[in-house]
Amino acid sequence: MARAEATPPAVAGAWYRQPLLWLGALIFVASLAGCVWMIVLSAHHADAPVPTHQTGALGVPAGAHSSAAPR
C-alpha cells in the first residue's frame, strides 16, 4: 500500500485556499452590489425639491448685510 502524501506547502498556502480572503472578496462584492443597487434605486425615484426661503448657502446669507447698525 502506498503512503498518502501530504499537500505540498506551495499548494496549501495558495491564496485560493485562504477562507479569510474569500470572506473579504464576498464582502467587497456585496458592497459593490449594494452601491449599484442604491444608484439604480435612486434613479427610479426622483428627489422632489423642498421649498425653502433661504437665499444663502447652508444658512449663511449671500449678501453683506447685518442686523445691527454700525456705531
PDB file of N, CA and C in Angstrom:
ATOM      1  N   MET A   1       0.835  -1.169   0.000  1.00  0.00           N
ATOM      2  CA  MET A   1       0.000   0.000   0.000  1.00  0.00           C
ATOM      3  C   MET A   1       0.889   1.244   0.000  1.00  0.00           C
ATOM      4  N   ALA A   2       0.532   2.205  -0.847  1.00  0.00           N
ATOM      5  CA  ALA A   2       1.317   3.428  -0.947  1.00  0.00           C
ATOM      6  C   ALA A   2       0.906   4.403   0.155  1.00  0.00           C
ATOM      7  N   ARG A   3       1.889   5.087   0.667  1.00  0.00           N
ATOM      8  CA  ARG A   3       1.631   6.059   1.723  1.00  0.00           C
ATOM      9  C   ARG A   3       1.102   7.342   1.099  1.00  0.00           C
ATOM     10  N   ALA A   4       0.024   7.917   1.664  1.00  0.00           N
ATOM     11  CA  ALA A   4      -0.563   9.156   1.143  1.00  0.00           C
ATOM     12  C   ALA A   4       0.364  10.328   1.456  1.00  0.00           C
ATOM     13  N   GLU A   5       0.632  11.085   0.453  1.00  0.00           N
ATOM     14  CA  GLU A   5       1.487  12.258   0.604  1.00  0.00           C
ATOM     15  C   GLU A   5       0.654  13.434   1.107  1.00  0.00           C
ATOM     16  N   ALA A   6       1.227  14.246   1.939  1.00  0.00           N
ATOM     17  CA  ALA A   6       0.566  15.467   2.414  1.00  0.00           C
ATOM     18  C   ALA A   6       0.586  16.498   1.286  1.00  0.00           C
ATOM     19  N   THR A   7      -0.308  17.443   1.370  1.00  0.00           N
ATOM     20  CA  THR A   7      -0.362  18.506   0.373  1.00  0.00           C
ATOM     21  C   THR A   7       0.921  19.328   0.462  1.00  0.00           C
ATOM     22  N   PRO A   8       1.551  19.582  -0.682  1.00  0.00           N
ATOM     23  CA  PRO A   8       2.781  20.385  -0.636  1.00  0.00           C
ATOM     24  C   PRO A   8       2.507  21.774  -0.067  1.00  0.00           C
ATOM     25  N   PRO A   9       3.485  22.356   0.621  1.00  0.00           N
ATOM     26  CA  PRO A   9       3.277  23.678   1.235  1.00  0.00           C
ATOM     27  C   PRO A   9       2.906  24.762   0.229  1.00  0.00           C
ATOM     28  N   ALA A  10       3.394  24.665  -1.001  1.00  0.00           N
ATOM     29  CA  ALA A  10       3.074  25.694  -2.003  1.00  0.00           C
ATOM     30  C   ALA A  10       1.586  25.688  -2.323  1.00  0.00           C
ATOM     31  N   VAL A  11       0.969  24.509  -2.384  1.00  0.00           N
ATOM     32  CA  VAL A  11      -0.455  24.417  -2.688  1.00  0.00           C
ATOM     33  C   VAL A  11      -1.282  24.737  -1.449  1.00  0.00           C
ATOM     34  N   ALA A  12      -0.833  24.297  -0.285  1.00  0.00           N
ATOM     35  CA  ALA A  12      -1.579  24.534   0.954  1.00  0.00           C
ATOM     36  C   ALA A  12      -1.654  26.016   1.295  1.00  0.00           C
ATOM     37  N   GLY A  13      -0.660  26.788   0.921  1.00  0.00           N
ATOM     38  CA  GLY A  13      -0.638  28.215   1.238  1.00  0.00           C
ATOM     39  C   GLY A  13      -1.109  29.095   0.101  1.00  0.00           C
ATOM     40  N   ALA A  14      -1.707  28.512  -0.926  1.00  0.00           N
ATOM     41  CA  ALA A  14      -2.167  29.298  -2.072  1.00  0.00           C
ATOM     42  C   ALA A  14      -3.287  30.248  -1.653  1.00  0.00           C
ATOM     43  N   TRP A  15      -3.404  31.360  -2.346  1.00  0.00           N
ATOM     44  CA  TRP A  15      -4.391  32.374  -1.971  1.00  0.00           C
ATOM     45  C   TRP A  15      -5.808  31.844  -2.038  1.00  0.00           C
ATOM     46  N   TYR A  16      -6.118  30.961  -2.952  1.00  0.00           N
ATOM     47  CA  TYR A  16      -7.487  30.475  -3.104  1.00  0.00           C
ATOM     48  C   TYR A  16      -7.866  29.448  -2.048  1.00  0.00           C
ATOM     49  N   ARG A  17      -6.929  29.073  -1.182  1.00  0.00           N
ATOM     50  CA  ARG A  17      -7.239  28.167  -0.077  1.00  0.00           C
ATOM     51  C   ARG A  17      -7.343  28.905   1.259  1.00  0.00           C
ATOM     52  N   GLN A  18      -7.374  30.232   1.209  1.00  0.00           N
ATOM     53  CA  GLN A  18      -7.466  31.039   2.425  1.00  0.00           C
ATOM     54  C   GLN A  18      -8.906  31.530   2.598  1.00  0.00           C
ATOM     55  N   PRO A  19      -9.625  31.024   3.594  1.00  0.00           N
ATOM     56  CA  PRO A  19     -11.029  31.406   3.755  1.00  0.00           C
ATOM     57  C   PRO A  19     -11.226  32.880   4.089  1.00  0.00           C
ATOM     58  N   LEU A  20     -10.271  33.502   4.749  1.00  0.00           N
ATOM     59  CA  LEU A  20     -10.404  34.914   5.081  1.00  0.00           C
ATOM     60  C   LEU A  20     -10.393  35.778   3.822  1.00  0.00           C
ATOM     61  N   LEU A  21      -9.601  35.407   2.830  1.00  0.00           N
ATOM     62  CA  LEU A  21      -9.597  36.157   1.573  1.00  0.00           C
ATOM     63  C   LEU A  21     -10.913  35.997   0.831  1.00  0.00           C
ATOM     64  N   TRP A  22     -11.503  34.797   0.861  1.00  0.00           N
ATOM     65  CA  TRP A  22     -12.809  34.582   0.224  1.00  0.00           C
ATOM     66  C   TRP A  22     -13.884  35.398   0.932  1.00  0.00           C
ATOM     67  N   LEU A  23     -13.814  35.460   2.255  1.00  0.00           N
ATOM     68  CA  LEU A  23     -14.774  36.261   3.007  1.00  0.00           C
ATOM     69  C   LEU A  23     -14.625  37.741   2.651  1.00  0.00           C
ATOM     70  N   GLY A  24     -13.395  38.219   2.567  1.00  0.00           N
ATOM     71  CA  GLY A  24     -13.151  39.602   2.183  1.00  0.00           C
ATOM     72  C   GLY A  24     -13.647  39.903   0.781  1.00  0.00           C
ATOM     73  N   ALA A  25     -13.422  38.965  -0.140  1.00  0.00           N
ATOM     74  CA  ALA A  25     -13.897  39.153  -1.507  1.00  0.00           C
ATOM     75  C   ALA A  25     -15.422  39.161  -1.557  1.00  0.00           C
ATOM     76  N   LEU A  26     -16.058  38.301  -0.765  1.00  0.00           N
ATOM     77  CA  LEU A  26     -17.516  38.251  -0.720  1.00  0.00           C
ATOM     78  C   LEU A  26     -18.092  39.555  -0.167  1.00  0.00           C
ATOM     79  N   ILE A  27     -17.491  40.080   0.887  1.00  0.00           N
ATOM     80  CA  ILE A  27     -17.952  41.351   1.460  1.00  0.00           C
ATOM     81  C   ILE A  27     -17.742  42.493   0.469  1.00  0.00           C
ATOM     82  N   PHE A  28     -16.622  42.488  -0.239  1.00  0.00           N
ATOM     83  CA  PHE A  28     -16.340  43.529  -1.230  1.00  0.00           C
ATOM     84  C   PHE A  28     -17.351  43.498  -2.363  1.00  0.00           C
ATOM     85  N   VAL A  29     -17.638  42.313  -2.891  1.00  0.00           N
ATOM     86  CA  VAL A  29     -18.599  42.181  -3.986  1.00  0.00           C
ATOM     87  C   VAL A  29     -20.003  42.559  -3.511  1.00  0.00           C
ATOM     88  N   ALA A  30     -20.370  42.169  -2.297  1.00  0.00           N
ATOM     89  CA  ALA A  30     -21.680  42.538  -1.759  1.00  0.00           C
ATOM     90  C   ALA A  30     -21.785  44.052  -1.578  1.00  0.00           C
ATOM     91  N   SER A  31     -20.706  44.681  -1.178  1.00  0.00           N
ATOM     92  CA  SER A  31     -20.693  46.135  -1.022  1.00  0.00           C
ATOM     93  C   SER A  31     -20.863  46.828  -2.371  1.00  0.00           C
ATOM     94  N   LEU A  32     -20.155  46.358  -3.371  1.00  0.00           N
ATOM     95  CA  LEU A  32     -20.304  46.935  -4.712  1.00  0.00           C
ATOM     96  C   LEU A  32     -21.709  46.731  -5.252  1.00  0.00           C
ATOM     97  N   ALA A  33     -22.272  45.539  -5.042  1.00  0.00           N
ATOM     98  CA  ALA A  33     -23.634  45.271  -5.496  1.00  0.00           C
ATOM     99  C   ALA A  33     -24.627  46.181  -4.778  1.00  0.00           C
ATOM    100  N   GLY A  34     -24.416  46.425  -3.503  1.00  0.00           N
ATOM    101  CA  GLY A  34     -25.278  47.338  -2.758  1.00  0.00           C
ATOM    102  C   GLY A  34     -25.188  48.760  -3.271  1.00  0.00           C
ATOM    103  N   CYS A  35     -23.995  49.203  -3.629  1.00  0.00           N
ATOM    104  CA  CYS A  35     -23.826  50.547  -4.187  1.00  0.00           C
ATOM    105  C   CYS A  35     -24.553  50.683  -5.521  1.00  0.00           C
ATOM    106  N   VAL A  36     -24.388  49.688  -6.375  1.00  0.00           N
ATOM    107  CA  VAL A  36     -25.068  49.716  -7.671  1.00  0.00           C
ATOM    108  C   VAL A  36     -26.576  49.687  -7.469  1.00  0.00           C
ATOM    109  N   TRP A  37     -27.056  48.868  -6.529  1.00  0.00           N
ATOM    110  CA  TRP A  37     -28.488  48.783  -6.268  1.00  0.00           C
ATOM    111  C   TRP A  37     -29.034  50.124  -5.786  1.00  0.00           C
ATOM    112  N   MET A  38     -28.298  50.817  -4.907  1.00  0.00           N
ATOM    113  CA  MET A  38     -28.749  52.115  -4.414  1.00  0.00           C
ATOM    114  C   MET A  38     -28.759  53.165  -5.521  1.00  0.00           C
ATOM    115  N   ILE A  39     -27.797  53.115  -6.435  1.00  0.00           N
ATOM    116  CA  ILE A  39     -27.772  54.049  -7.561  1.00  0.00           C
ATOM    117  C   ILE A  39     -28.964  53.806  -8.471  1.00  0.00           C
ATOM    118  N   VAL A  40     -29.240  52.546  -8.770  1.00  0.00           N
ATOM    119  CA  VAL A  40     -30.390  52.215  -9.623  1.00  0.00           C
ATOM    120  C   VAL A  40     -31.685  52.607  -8.923  1.00  0.00           C
ATOM    121  N   LEU A  41     -31.790  52.347  -7.647  1.00  0.00           N
ATOM    122  CA  LEU A  41     -32.987  52.698  -6.884  1.00  0.00           C
ATOM    123  C   LEU A  41     -33.203  54.204  -6.871  1.00  0.00           C
ATOM    124  N   SER A  42     -32.140  54.971  -6.690  1.00  0.00           N
ATOM    125  CA  SER A  42     -32.276  56.427  -6.666  1.00  0.00           C
ATOM    126  C   SER A  42     -32.589  56.990  -8.042  1.00  0.00           C
ATOM    127  N   ALA A  43     -32.190  56.310  -9.095  1.00  0.00           N
ATOM    128  CA  ALA A  43     -32.512  56.784 -10.440  1.00  0.00           C
ATOM    129  C   ALA A  43     -33.996  56.586 -10.747  1.00  0.00           C
ATOM    130  N   HIS A  44     -34.621  55.594 -10.122  1.00  0.00           N
ATOM    131  CA  HIS A  44     -36.036  55.322 -10.366  1.00  0.00           C
ATOM    132  C   HIS A  44     -36.955  56.242  -9.567  1.00  0.00           C
ATOM    133  N   HIS A  45     -36.483  56.778  -8.467  1.00  0.00           N
ATOM    134  CA  HIS A  45     -37.309  57.621  -7.605  1.00  0.00           C
ATOM    135  C   HIS A  45     -36.699  59.019  -7.554  1.00  0.00           C
ATOM    136  N   ALA A  46     -37.389  59.962  -8.182  1.00  0.00           N
ATOM    137  CA  ALA A  46     -36.882  61.331  -8.239  1.00  0.00           C
ATOM    138  C   ALA A  46     -36.954  61.986  -6.866  1.00  0.00           C
ATOM    139  N   ASP A  47     -36.008  62.834  -6.576  1.00  0.00           N
ATOM    140  CA  ASP A  47     -35.955  63.571  -5.320  1.00  0.00           C
ATOM    141  C   ASP A  47     -36.629  64.918  -5.552  1.00  0.00           C
ATOM    142  N   ALA A  48     -37.809  65.090  -4.994  1.00  0.00           N
ATOM    143  CA  ALA A  48     -38.551  66.333  -5.182  1.00  0.00           C
ATOM    144  C   ALA A  48     -37.863  67.473  -4.435  1.00  0.00           C
ATOM    145  N   PRO A  49     -37.795  68.658  -5.040  1.00  0.00           N
ATOM    146  CA  PRO A  49     -37.171  69.781  -4.348  1.00  0.00           C
ATOM    147  C   PRO A  49     -38.020  70.223  -3.150  1.00  0.00           C
ATOM    148  N   VAL A  50     -37.352  70.606  -2.103  1.00  0.00           N
ATOM    149  CA  VAL A  50     -38.013  71.058  -0.886  1.00  0.00           C
ATOM    150  C   VAL A  50     -38.104  72.583  -0.934  1.00  0.00           C
ATOM    151  N   PRO A  51     -39.301  73.142  -0.723  1.00  0.00           N
ATOM    152  CA  PRO A  51     -39.407  74.609  -0.745  1.00  0.00           C
ATOM    153  C   PRO A  51     -38.656  75.220   0.444  1.00  0.00           C
ATOM    154  N   THR A  52     -37.919  76.253   0.164  1.00  0.00           N
ATOM    155  CA  THR A  52     -37.125  76.914   1.200  1.00  0.00           C
ATOM    156  C   THR A  52     -37.130  78.416   0.956  1.00  0.00           C
ATOM    157  N   HIS A  53     -36.863  79.179   1.987  1.00  0.00           N
ATOM    158  CA  HIS A  53     -36.843  80.638   1.876  1.00  0.00           C
ATOM    159  C   HIS A  53     -35.451  81.214   2.075  1.00  0.00           C
ATOM    160  N   GLN A  54     -34.465  80.389   2.281  1.00  0.00           N
ATOM    161  CA  GLN A  54     -33.104  80.885   2.479  1.00  0.00           C
ATOM    162  C   GLN A  54     -32.491  81.272   1.138  1.00  0.00           C
ATOM    163  N   THR A  55     -31.721  82.336   1.160  1.00  0.00           N
ATOM    164  CA  THR A  55     -31.071  82.798  -0.064  1.00  0.00           C
ATOM    165  C   THR A  55     -29.574  82.555  -0.053  1.00  0.00           C
ATOM    166  N   GLY A  56     -29.054  81.970   0.978  1.00  0.00           N
ATOM    167  CA  GLY A  56     -27.626  81.724   1.079  1.00  0.00           C
ATOM    168  C   GLY A  56     -27.296  80.247   0.982  1.00  0.00           C
ATOM    169  N   ALA A  57     -26.038  79.962   1.213  1.00  0.00           N
ATOM    170  CA  ALA A  57     -25.571  78.580   1.180  1.00  0.00           C
ATOM    171  C   ALA A  57     -25.456  78.058   2.607  1.00  0.00           C
ATOM    172  N   LEU A  58     -26.150  76.981   2.918  1.00  0.00           N
ATOM    173  CA  LEU A  58     -26.121  76.346   4.240  1.00  0.00           C
ATOM    174  C   LEU A  58     -26.511  77.317   5.349  1.00  0.00           C
ATOM    175  N   GLY A  59     -27.457  78.212   5.064  1.00  0.00           N
ATOM    176  CA  GLY A  59     -27.951  79.139   6.069  1.00  0.00           C
ATOM    177  C   GLY A  59     -27.129  80.398   6.229  1.00  0.00           C
ATOM    178  N   VAL A  60     -26.050  80.541   5.505  1.00  0.00           N
ATOM    179  CA  VAL A  60     -25.213  81.743   5.562  1.00  0.00           C
ATOM    180  C   VAL A  60     -25.720  82.705   4.494  1.00  0.00           C
ATOM    181  N   PRO A  61     -26.049  83.934   4.870  1.00  0.00           N
ATOM    182  CA  PRO A  61     -26.566  84.889   3.880  1.00  0.00           C
ATOM    183  C   PRO A  61     -25.577  85.146   2.750  1.00  0.00           C
ATOM    184  N   ALA A  62     -26.128  85.331   1.552  1.00  0.00           N
ATOM    185  CA  ALA A  62     -25.281  85.578   0.397  1.00  0.00           C
ATOM    186  C   ALA A  62     -24.810  87.033   0.331  1.00  0.00           C
ATOM    187  N   GLY A  63     -25.581  87.950   0.899  1.00  0.00           N
ATOM    188  CA  GLY A  63     -25.214  89.377   0.853  1.00  0.00           C
ATOM    189  C   GLY A  63     -24.412  89.806   2.069  1.00  0.00           C
ATOM    190  N   ALA A  64     -23.822  90.994   1.971  1.00  0.00           N
ATOM    191  CA  ALA A  64     -23.017  91.532   3.071  1.00  0.00           C
ATOM    192  C   ALA A  64     -23.865  92.535   3.853  1.00  0.00           C
ATOM    193  N   HIS A  65     -24.777  92.053   4.653  1.00  0.00           N
ATOM    194  CA  HIS A  65     -25.602  92.917   5.479  1.00  0.00           C
ATOM    195  C   HIS A  65     -25.661  92.350   6.895  1.00  0.00           C
ATOM    196  N   SER A  66     -25.956  93.214   7.860  1.00  0.00           N
ATOM    197  CA  SER A  66     -26.063  92.769   9.243  1.00  0.00           C
ATOM    198  C   SER A  66     -27.362  93.268   9.826  1.00  0.00           C
ATOM    199  N   SER A  67     -27.749  92.708  10.956  1.00  0.00           N
ATOM    200  CA  SER A  67     -28.996  93.107  11.590  1.00  0.00           C
ATOM    201  C   SER A  67     -28.794  94.329  12.489  1.00  0.00           C
ATOM    202  N   ALA A  68     -27.596  94.590  12.929  1.00  0.00           N
ATOM    203  CA  ALA A  68     -27.329  95.730  13.805  1.00  0.00           C
ATOM    204  C   ALA A  68     -26.661  96.858  13.016  1.00  0.00           C
ATOM    205  N   ALA A  69     -27.047  98.074  13.348  1.00  0.00           N
ATOM    206  CA  ALA A  69     -26.455  99.236  12.678  1.00  0.00           C
ATOM    207  C   ALA A  69     -25.048  99.493  13.253  1.00  0.00           C
ATOM    208  N   PRO A  70     -24.107  99.888  12.411  1.00  0.00           N
ATOM    209  CA  PRO A  70     -22.752 100.182  12.930  1.00  0.00           C
ATOM    210  C   PRO A  70     -22.765 101.405  13.813  1.00  0.00           C
ATOM    211  N   ARG A  71     -21.882 101.479  14.775  1.00  0.00           N
ATOM    212  CA  ARG A  71     -21.814 102.620  15.714  1.00  0.00           C
ATOM    213  C   ARG A  71     -20.769 103.592  15.320  1.00  0.00           C
TER     214      ARG A  71
END
